[in-house]
C-alpha atoms as a PDB file:
ATOM      1  CA  MET A   1       0.141  -0.083   0.053  1.00  0.00           C
ATOM      2  CA  GLN A   2       1.186   3.360  -0.885  1.00  0.00           C
ATOM      3  CA  SER A   3       2.640   5.827   1.890  1.00  0.00           C
ATOM      4  CA  TYR A   4       0.993   9.243   2.324  1.00  0.00           C
ATOM      5  CA  ALA A   5       1.898  12.560   3.868  1.00  0.00           C
ATOM      6  CA  GLN A   6       1.245  13.077   7.484  1.00  0.00           C
ATOM      7  CA  THR A   7       3.064  16.433   7.860  1.00  0.00           C
ATOM      8  CA  ASN A   8       2.678  19.699   6.101  1.00  0.00           C
ATOM      9  CA  ILE A   9       6.433  19.348   4.861  1.00  0.00           C
ATOM     10  CA  GLN A  10       5.769  15.715   3.639  1.00  0.00           C
ATOM     11  CA  LEU A  11       2.599  17.099   1.751  1.00  0.00           C
ATOM     12  CA  LEU A  12       4.179  20.216   0.135  1.00  0.00           C
ATOM     13  CA  ASN A  13       7.121  17.779  -1.095  1.00  0.00           C
ATOM     14  CA  GLN A  14       4.706  15.517  -2.437  1.00  0.00           C
ATOM     15  CA  LEU A  15       2.830  18.201  -4.407  1.00  0.00           C
ATOM     16  CA  GLN A  16       6.009  19.504  -5.842  1.00  0.00           C
ATOM     17  CA  ARG A  17       6.938  15.995  -7.025  1.00  0.00           C
ATOM     18  CA  GLU A  18       3.508  15.568  -8.469  1.00  0.00           C
ATOM     19  CA  GLY A  19       3.948  18.726 -10.377  1.00  0.00           C
ATOM     20  CA  TYR A  20       1.574  21.117  -8.726  1.00  0.00           C
ATOM     21  CA  SER A  21       2.118  24.988  -9.489  1.00  0.00           C
ATOM     22  CA  LYS A  22       3.593  27.440  -7.069  1.00  0.00           C
ATOM     23  CA  GLU A  23       0.213  28.835  -7.014  1.00  0.00           C
ATOM     24  CA  ASP A  24      -1.218  25.813  -5.951  1.00  0.00           C
ATOM     25  CA  LEU A  25       1.449  25.305  -3.185  1.00  0.00           C
ATOM     26  CA  ILE A  26       0.638  28.777  -1.734  1.00  0.00           C
ATOM     27  CA  SER A  27      -3.119  28.056  -1.840  1.00  0.00           C
ATOM     28  CA  ILE A  28      -2.653  24.645   0.069  1.00  0.00           C
ATOM     29  CA  SER A  29       0.010  26.180   2.579  1.00  0.00           C
ATOM     30  CA  ASN A  30      -2.550  28.813   3.423  1.00  0.00           C
ATOM     31  CA  THR A  31      -5.197  26.228   3.826  1.00  0.00           C
ATOM     32  CA  TYR A  32      -2.951  24.359   6.115  1.00  0.00           C
ATOM     33  CA  ASP A  33      -2.497  27.326   8.308  1.00  0.00           C
ATOM     34  CA  LEU A  34      -6.195  27.701   8.762  1.00  0.00           C
ATOM     35  CA  ALA A  35      -6.334  23.900   9.681  1.00  0.00           C
ATOM     36  CA  MET A  36      -3.365  24.122  12.099  1.00  0.00           C
ATOM     37  CA  LYS A  37      -5.335  27.041  14.080  1.00  0.00           C
ATOM     38  CA  LEU A  38      -8.704  25.521  14.176  1.00  0.00           C
ATOM     39  CA  PHE A  39      -7.728  21.882  14.691  1.00  0.00           C
ATOM     40  CA  THR A  40      -5.357  22.858  17.387  1.00  0.00           C
ATOM     41  CA  GLY A  41      -5.459  20.301  20.339  1.00  0.00           C
ATOM     42  CA  CYS A  42      -7.848  18.201  18.488  1.00  0.00           C
ATOM     43  CA  TYR A  43      -7.236  14.401  18.136  1.00  0.00           C
ATOM     44  CA  ARG A  44      -8.789  11.358  16.545  1.00  0.00           C
ATOM     45  CA  PRO A  45     -10.209   8.731  18.695  1.00  0.00           C
ATOM     46  CA  SER A  46      -7.097   6.514  18.270  1.00  0.00           C
ATOM     47  CA  GLY A  47      -5.062   9.449  19.669  1.00  0.00           C
ATOM     48  CA  LYS A  48      -3.746  10.222  16.246  1.00  0.00           C
ATOM     49  CA  THR A  49      -3.503  14.100  15.995  1.00  0.00           C
ATOM     50  CA  PHE A  50      -6.421  15.560  13.730  1.00  0.00           C
ATOM     51  CA  ILE A  51      -4.127  17.660  11.777  1.00  0.00           C
ATOM     52  CA  ALA A  52      -2.170  14.420  10.707  1.00  0.00           C
ATOM     53  CA  HIS A  53      -5.460  12.947   9.728  1.00  0.00           C
ATOM     54  CA  VAL A  54      -6.372  15.998   7.312  1.00  0.00           C
ATOM     55  CA  VAL A  55      -2.919  16.231   5.893  1.00  0.00           C
ATOM     56  CA  GLY A  56      -3.194  12.341   5.217  1.00  0.00           C
ATOM     57  CA  THR A  57      -6.516  12.842   3.501  1.00  0.00           C
ATOM     58  CA  ALA A  58      -5.041  15.749   1.352  1.00  0.00           C
ATOM     59  CA  SER A  59      -2.184  13.587   0.566  1.00  0.00           C
ATOM     60  CA  ILE A  60      -4.408  10.864  -0.782  1.00  0.00           C
ATOM     61  CA  LEU A  61      -6.186  13.114  -2.940  1.00  0.00           C
ATOM     62  CA  ALA A  62      -2.987  14.652  -4.426  1.00  0.00           C
ATOM     63  CA  SER A  63      -1.933  11.066  -5.309  1.00  0.00           C
ATOM     64  CA  LEU A  64      -4.950  10.896  -7.471  1.00  0.00           C
ATOM     65  CA  HIS A  65      -3.847  14.049  -9.386  1.00  0.00           C
ATOM     66  CA  VAL A  66      -7.143  15.977  -8.771  1.00  0.00           C
ATOM     67  CA  SER A  67      -6.990  19.788  -8.715  1.00  0.00           C
ATOM     68  CA  ALA A  68      -5.481  21.926  -5.961  1.00  0.00           C
ATOM     69  CA  LYS A  69      -8.847  23.079  -4.581  1.00  0.00           C
ATOM     70  CA  ILE A  70      -9.969  19.447  -4.003  1.00  0.00           C
ATOM     71  CA  VAL A  71      -6.493  18.992  -2.247  1.00  0.00           C
ATOM     72  CA  ALA A  72      -6.963  22.162  -0.306  1.00  0.00           C
ATOM     73  CA  ALA A  73     -10.822  20.964   0.889  1.00  0.00           C
ATOM     74  CA  GLY A  74      -9.179  17.903   1.841  1.00  0.00           C
ATOM     75  CA  LEU A  75      -7.031  19.613   4.272  1.00  0.00           C
ATOM     76  CA  ILE A  76     -10.236  21.121   6.172  1.00  0.00           C
ATOM     77  CA  HIS A  77     -12.913  18.563   5.216  1.00  0.00           C
ATOM     78  CA  SER A  78     -14.295  18.385   8.651  1.00  0.00           C
ATOM     79  CA  ILE A  79     -13.525  21.808   9.875  1.00  0.00           C
ATOM     80  CA  TYR A  80     -17.220  22.608  10.566  1.00  0.00           C
ATOM     81  CA  ALA A  81     -17.714  19.448  12.643  1.00  0.00           C
ATOM     82  CA  HIS A  82     -14.246  19.523  14.715  1.00  0.00           C
ATOM     83  CA  GLY A  83     -12.816  22.753  13.982  1.00  0.00           C
ATOM     84  CA  ASP A  84     -12.445  25.208  17.207  1.00  0.00           C
ATOM     85  CA  PHE A  85     -13.685  28.774  15.996  1.00  0.00           C
ATOM     86  CA  GLY A  86     -13.904  30.079  19.493  1.00  0.00           C
ATOM     87  CA  SER A  87     -17.727  30.148  19.215  1.00  0.00           C
ATOM     88  CA  TRP A  88     -20.503  28.549  21.056  1.00  0.00           C
ATOM     89  CA  GLY A  89     -21.155  25.579  19.070  1.00  0.00           C
ATOM     90  CA  LYS A  90     -20.041  23.075  16.355  1.00  0.00           C
ATOM     91  CA  GLY A  91     -21.627  23.143  12.901  1.00  0.00           C
ATOM     92  CA  ILE A  92     -22.130  25.445  10.028  1.00  0.00           C
ATOM     93  CA  SER A  93     -22.978  29.267  10.588  1.00  0.00           C
ATOM     94  CA  ASN A  94     -22.645  32.129   8.225  1.00  0.00           C
ATOM     95  CA  ALA A  95     -19.939  33.705  10.364  1.00  0.00           C
ATOM     96  CA  LYS A  96     -17.847  30.647  10.316  1.00  0.00           C
ATOM     97  CA  ARG A  97     -18.367  30.177   6.290  1.00  0.00           C
ATOM     98  CA  LYS A  98     -17.373  33.960   5.948  1.00  0.00           C
ATOM     99  CA  GLN A  99     -13.974  33.292   7.983  1.00  0.00           C
ATOM    100  CA  VAL A 100     -13.104  30.244   6.126  1.00  0.00           C
ATOM    101  CA  ARG A 101     -13.936  31.879   2.687  1.00  0.00           C
ATOM    102  CA  SER A 102     -11.842  34.767   3.712  1.00  0.00           C
ATOM    103  CA  VAL A 103      -8.755  32.462   3.754  1.00  0.00           C
ATOM    104  CA  VAL A 104      -9.437  29.775   0.933  1.00  0.00           C
ATOM    105  CA  GLY A 105     -11.896  31.301  -1.504  1.00  0.00           C
ATOM    106  CA  GLU A 106     -15.647  30.409  -2.109  1.00  0.00           C
ATOM    107  CA  GLU A 107     -15.077  27.301  -4.195  1.00  0.00           C
ATOM    108  CA  ILE A 108     -12.939  25.512  -1.733  1.00  0.00           C
ATOM    109  CA  GLU A 109     -15.302  26.513   1.071  1.00  0.00           C
ATOM    110  CA  GLU A 110     -18.472  25.220  -1.027  1.00  0.00           C
ATOM    111  CA  TYR A 111     -16.866  21.779  -0.916  1.00  0.00           C
ATOM    112  CA  VAL A 112     -16.264  21.917   2.718  1.00  0.00           C
ATOM    113  CA  CYS A 113     -19.741  23.105   3.448  1.00  0.00           C
ATOM    114  CA  ARG A 114     -21.453  20.282   1.299  1.00  0.00           C
ATOM    115  CA  TYR A 115     -19.075  17.817   3.102  1.00  0.00           C
ATOM    116  CA  ALA A 116     -20.526  18.976   6.361  1.00  0.00           C
ATOM    117  CA  ALA A 117     -23.880  18.504   5.141  1.00  0.00           C
ATOM    118  CA  TRP A 118     -23.519  15.078   4.143  1.00  0.00           C
ATOM    119  CA  LYS A 119     -24.328  12.531   7.090  1.00  0.00           C
ATOM    120  CA  TRP A 120     -22.154   9.643   6.537  1.00  0.00           C
ATOM    121  CA  ASN A 121     -24.115   6.555   7.887  1.00  0.00           C
ATOM    122  CA  ALA A 122     -25.227   3.361   6.232  1.00  0.00           C
ATOM    123  CA  GLN A 123     -28.750   4.846   5.076  1.00  0.00           C
ATOM    124  CA  ASN A 124     -26.981   7.889   3.407  1.00  0.00           C
ATOM    125  CA  ILE A 125     -24.319   5.925   1.861  1.00  0.00           C
ATOM    126  CA  LEU A 126     -26.899   3.461   0.144  1.00  0.00           C
ATOM    127  CA  ALA A 127     -28.691   6.760  -1.057  1.00  0.00           C
ATOM    128  CA  ILE A 128     -25.809   8.234  -2.419  1.00  0.00           C
ATOM    129  CA  ARG A 129     -24.852   4.986  -4.222  1.00  0.00           C
ATOM    130  CA  ASP A 130     -28.342   4.841  -5.721  1.00  0.00           C
ATOM    131  CA  ARG A 131     -28.379   8.426  -7.098  1.00  0.00           C
ATOM    132  CA  LEU A 132     -24.441   8.392  -8.046  1.00  0.00           C
ATOM    133  CA  ASP A 133     -25.165   9.241 -11.887  1.00  0.00           C
ATOM    134  CA  LYS A 134     -27.598  12.207 -10.555  1.00  0.00           C
ATOM    135  CA  LEU A 135     -24.529  14.087  -8.518  1.00  0.00           C
ATOM    136  CA  ASP A 136     -23.307  17.285  -9.889  1.00  0.00           C
ATOM    137  CA  ARG A 137     -19.626  17.987 -10.309  1.00  0.00           C
ATOM    138  CA  ILE A 138     -19.136  19.363  -6.862  1.00  0.00           C
ATOM    139  CA  ASP A 139     -21.166  16.648  -5.120  1.00  0.00           C
ATOM    140  CA  ARG A 140     -18.992  13.907  -6.943  1.00  0.00           C
ATOM    141  CA  ASP A 141     -15.847  15.802  -5.826  1.00  0.00           C
ATOM    142  CA  VAL A 142     -17.303  15.765  -2.116  1.00  0.00           C
ATOM    143  CA  LEU A 143     -17.851  12.071  -2.367  1.00  0.00           C
ATOM    144  CA  LEU A 144     -14.211  11.718  -3.402  1.00  0.00           C
ATOM    145  CA  ILE A 145     -13.007  13.786  -0.577  1.00  0.00           C
ATOM    146  CA  ARG A 146     -15.162  11.580   1.799  1.00  0.00           C
ATOM    147  CA  LEU A 147     -13.842   8.298   0.318  1.00  0.00           C
ATOM    148  CA  ALA A 148     -10.266   9.654   0.735  1.00  0.00           C
ATOM    149  CA  ASP A 149     -11.227  10.416   4.388  1.00  0.00           C
ATOM    150  CA  GLN A 150     -12.209   6.703   4.875  1.00  0.00           C
ATOM    151  CA  LEU A 151      -9.063   5.393   3.605  1.00  0.00           C
ATOM    152  CA  GLU A 152      -6.970   7.667   5.720  1.00  0.00           C
ATOM    153  CA  ASP A 153      -8.989   6.510   8.686  1.00  0.00           C
ATOM    154  CA  ASN A 154      -7.838   2.917   7.741  1.00  0.00           C
ATOM    155  CA  LEU A 155      -4.357   3.547   7.148  1.00  0.00           C
ATOM    156  CA  ASP A 156      -1.912   1.940   9.589  1.00  0.00           C
ATOM    157  CA  LEU A 157      -4.860   0.114  11.309  1.00  0.00           C
ATOM    158  CA  SER A 158      -5.809   3.251  12.875  1.00  0.00           C
ATOM    159  CA  ILE A 159      -9.403   2.173  13.861  1.00  0.00           C
ATOM    160  CA  ILE A 160      -8.444  -0.906  15.819  1.00  0.00           C
ATOM    161  CA  TYR A 161      -6.807   1.708  18.271  1.00  0.00           C
ATOM    162  CA  CYS A 162     -10.363   3.197  18.716  1.00  0.00           C
ATOM    163  CA  PRO A 163     -12.339   2.216  21.803  1.00  0.00           C
ATOM    164  CA  ASN A 164     -15.257   1.531  19.510  1.00  0.00           C
ATOM    165  CA  CYS A 165     -13.153  -0.407  16.933  1.00  0.00           C
ATOM    166  CA  LYS A 166     -15.640  -3.421  17.027  1.00  0.00           C
ATOM    167  CA  SER A 167     -18.325  -1.210  15.762  1.00  0.00           C
ATOM    168  CA  ARG A 168     -16.068   0.591  13.338  1.00  0.00           C
ATOM    169  CA  GLN A 169     -15.150  -2.853  12.099  1.00  0.00           C
ATOM    170  CA  LYS A 170     -18.879  -3.856  11.507  1.00  0.00           C
ATOM    171  CA  PHE A 171     -19.524  -0.518   9.809  1.00  0.00           C
ATOM    172  CA  PHE A 172     -16.593  -1.184   7.077  1.00  0.00           C
ATOM    173  CA  GLN A 173     -17.557  -4.802   6.730  1.00  0.00           C
ATOM    174  CA  GLU A 174     -21.127  -3.824   5.663  1.00  0.00           C
ATOM    175  CA  MET A 175     -20.614  -0.524   3.751  1.00  0.00           C
ATOM    176  CA  GLY A 176     -16.785  -1.173   2.495  1.00  0.00           C
ATOM    177  CA  SER A 177     -17.735  -2.875  -0.836  1.00  0.00           C
ATOM    178  CA  ILE A 178     -20.124  -0.035  -1.573  1.00  0.00           C
ATOM    179  CA  MET A 179     -17.617   2.630  -0.979  1.00  0.00           C
ATOM    180  CA  ILE A 180     -15.022   0.548  -3.301  1.00  0.00           C
ATOM    181  CA  GLU A 181     -17.998   0.399  -5.858  1.00  0.00           C
ATOM    182  CA  MET A 182     -18.363   4.146  -5.920  1.00  0.00           C
ATOM    183  CA  SER A 183     -14.696   4.885  -6.162  1.00  0.00           C
ATOM    184  CA  GLN A 184     -14.542   2.647  -9.351  1.00  0.00           C
ATOM    185  CA  LYS A 185     -17.644   4.170 -10.723  1.00  0.00           C
ATOM    186  CA  ILE A 186     -16.570   7.827 -10.363  1.00  0.00           C
ATOM    187  CA  GLY A 187     -13.345   7.048 -12.036  1.00  0.00           C
ATOM    188  CA  PHE A 188     -10.780   6.304  -9.484  1.00  0.00           C
ATOM    189  CA  PRO A 189      -9.960   2.503  -9.458  1.00  0.00           C
ATOM    190  CA  THR A 190      -6.397   3.146  -7.740  1.00  0.00           C
ATOM    191  CA  LEU A 191      -8.499   4.624  -4.836  1.00  0.00           C
ATOM    192  CA  ALA A 192     -10.733   1.575  -4.992  1.00  0.00           C
ATOM    193  CA  ALA A 193      -7.981  -0.803  -4.794  1.00  0.00           C
ATOM    194  CA  GLU A 194      -6.281   1.058  -1.780  1.00  0.00           C
ATOM    195  CA  LEU A 195      -9.760   1.025  -0.054  1.00  0.00           C
ATOM    196  CA  GLU A 196     -10.136  -2.799  -0.591  1.00  0.00           C
ATOM    197  CA  ALA A 197      -6.787  -3.581   0.612  1.00  0.00           C
ATOM    198  CA  ALA A 198      -7.226  -1.247   3.776  1.00  0.00           C
ATOM    199  CA  PHE A 199     -10.541  -2.506   4.570  1.00  0.00           C
ATOM    200  CA  GLN A 200      -9.243  -6.141   4.503  1.00  0.00           C
ATOM    201  CA  GLU A 201      -6.273  -5.435   6.769  1.00  0.00           C
ATOM    202  CA  THR A 202      -8.558  -3.579   9.194  1.00  0.00           C
ATOM    203  CA  LEU A 203     -11.236  -6.260   9.273  1.00  0.00           C
ATOM    204  CA  LEU A 204      -8.604  -9.003  10.150  1.00  0.00           C
ATOM    205  CA  ALA A 205      -6.473  -6.984  12.445  1.00  0.00           C
ATOM    206  CA  LYS A 206      -6.493  -7.400  16.165  1.00  0.00           C
ATOM    207  CA  THR A 207      -4.770  -5.776  18.926  1.00  0.00           C
ATOM    208  CA  HIS A 208      -4.525  -5.600  22.987  1.00  0.00           C
ATOM    209  CA  ARG A 209      -7.804  -4.337  24.462  1.00  0.00           C
ATOM    210  CA  GLU A 210      -5.490  -2.001  26.426  1.00  0.00           C
ATOM    211  CA  LEU A 211      -4.204  -0.310  23.203  1.00  0.00           C
ATOM    212  CA  SER A 212      -7.668   0.477  21.979  1.00  0.00           C
ATOM    213  CA  LYS A 213      -8.018   3.242  24.723  1.00  0.00           C
ATOM    214  CA  GLN A 214     -11.210   1.442  26.278  1.00  0.00           C
ATOM    215  CA  GLY A 215     -13.126   4.026  28.204  1.00  0.00           C
ATOM    216  CA  LYS A 216     -11.667   6.950  26.151  1.00  0.00           C
ATOM    217  CA  GLU A 217     -13.445   9.019  23.569  1.00  0.00           C
ATOM    218  CA  GLU A 218     -15.264   7.244  20.631  1.00  0.00           C
ATOM    219  CA  TYR A 219     -15.132  10.209  18.351  1.00  0.00           C
ATOM    220  CA  SER A 220     -12.643  13.033  17.839  1.00  0.00           C
ATOM    221  CA  PHE A 221     -12.010  15.120  20.833  1.00  0.00           C
ATOM    222  CA  SER A 222      -9.829  18.201  21.977  1.00  0.00           C
ATOM    223  CA  ILE A 223      -7.362  18.571  24.846  1.00  0.00           C
ATOM    224  CA  ALA A 224      -6.771  22.057  25.885  1.00  0.00           C
ATOM    225  CA  PRO A 225      -3.379  23.169  27.233  1.00  0.00           C
ATOM    226  CA  LYS A 226      -3.674  23.665  31.041  1.00  0.00           C
ATOM    227  CA  SER A 227      -3.244  27.287  30.752  1.00  0.00           C
ATOM    228  CA  TYR A 228      -6.428  27.420  28.566  1.00  0.00           C
ATOM    229  CA  ARG A 229      -9.275  29.418  29.907  1.00  0.00           C
ATOM    230  CA  ARG A 230     -12.570  28.731  28.414  1.00  0.00           C
ATOM    231  CA  LYS A 231     -14.517  32.100  27.237  1.00  0.00           C
ATOM    232  CA  LEU A 232     -17.432  32.739  29.856  1.00  0.00           C
ATOM    233  CA  SER A 233     -19.949  32.891  27.062  1.00  0.00           C
ATOM    234  CA  VAL A 234     -18.938  29.593  25.542  1.00  0.00           C
ATOM    235  CA  ALA A 235     -18.726  28.156  29.020  1.00  0.00           C
ATOM    236  CA  VAL A 236     -22.507  29.262  29.607  1.00  0.00           C
ATOM    237  CA  TYR A 237     -23.623  28.342  26.438  1.00  0.00           C
ATOM    238  CA  GLN A 238     -22.223  24.860  26.610  1.00  0.00           C
ATOM    239  CA  GLN A 239     -23.567  24.351  30.365  1.00  0.00           C
ATOM    240  CA  PHE A 240     -27.096  25.427  29.146  1.00  0.00           C
ATOM    241  CA  THR A 241     -27.160  23.057  26.163  1.00  0.00           C
ATOM    242  CA  LEU A 242     -26.053  20.185  28.462  1.00  0.00           C
ATOM    243  CA  SER A 243     -28.669  21.131  31.094  1.00  0.00           C
ATOM    244  CA  LEU A 244     -31.366  21.371  28.203  1.00  0.00           C
ATOM    245  CA  ASN A 245     -30.436  18.037  26.696  1.00  0.00           C
ATOM    246  CA  TYR A 246     -30.556  16.183  29.944  1.00  0.00           C
ATOM    247  CA  PHE A 247     -34.002  17.846  30.671  1.00  0.00           C
ATOM    248  CA  ARG A 248     -35.235  16.614  27.366  1.00  0.00           C
ATOM    249  CA  SER A 249     -34.021  13.216  27.957  1.00  0.00           C
ATOM    250  CA  THR A 250     -35.702  13.072  31.370  1.00  0.00           C
ATOM    251  CA  LEU A 251     -38.897  14.324  29.976  1.00  0.00           C
ATOM    252  CA  LEU A 252     -38.660  11.751  27.157  1.00  0.00           C
ATOM    253  CA  ARG A 253     -38.316   8.785  29.979  1.00  0.00           C
ATOM    254  CA  VAL A 254     -40.946  10.226  31.855  1.00  0.00           C
ATOM    255  CA  ASN A 255     -43.299  10.104  29.004  1.00  0.00           C
ATOM    256  CA  ARG A 256     -42.173   6.672  28.095  1.00  0.00           C
ATOM    257  CA  LYS A 257     -42.815   5.555  31.689  1.00  0.00           C
ATOM    258  CA  LEU A 258     -46.282   7.243  31.736  1.00  0.00           C
ATOM    259  CA  ARG A 259     -47.306   5.581  28.543  1.00  0.00           C
ATOM    260  CA  SER A 260     -46.370   2.099  29.753  1.00  0.00           C
ATOM    261  CA  LEU A 261     -48.318   2.505  32.985  1.00  0.00           C
ATOM    262  CA  TYR A 262     -51.392   3.966  31.441  1.00  0.00           C
ATOM    263  CA  HIS A 263     -51.182   2.551  28.039  1.00  0.00           C
ATOM    264  CA  PHE A 264     -52.062   5.718  26.035  1.00  0.00           C
END
């Protein structure tokens, strides 16, 4: 299996070998600067730094000789889900989109926005597969970024070091063949072959339970420096959100209990 970049230096060297222009390199370097700021202290559930993951995703895309804009989008593909903008919550907002556009431009940001809008689960993967021929150019490129992301997640057997490795293996066992099929249909047989090899290794791999970080975070998480102090407004909002979610879940439990008691 091919080796991919995990640092910005390795990525820039790869891009020069692949023949990307000076302007392309500057654009991707600027995008990396944004990723570096917004993914500070962010980790994958395996313990791998998030910045290494996005660099790896961009490296996979570069190896496919796609446009520099798609490579740059790969560097910040999940910035709305996991990037720390210093604001109240995760997800897309007009203010965040404006901030990202000011650095990378509208076209790259549009890729990232559409990426964030796609929920990557079994139901939606099947739906995307069934309407593959109807996807527009940008959506096909977004799908390519997602498939590169999935390959990067399986490099070096990464997912077996996640606390929920069993459920992740089950997901790739069920959906892996569909991702391989989609890679072939959108014109990237090399990616399809890499995905097939990575999935096979992942499904057969085992590790010591202690190394899979049992009891730790199942999804990407952040670790702040000890000198870090959360903004009061953010802390208040987050506490309010937690309390509201707890209140809602309590109401749902009470409602289910009442329904079971009184059969209405």
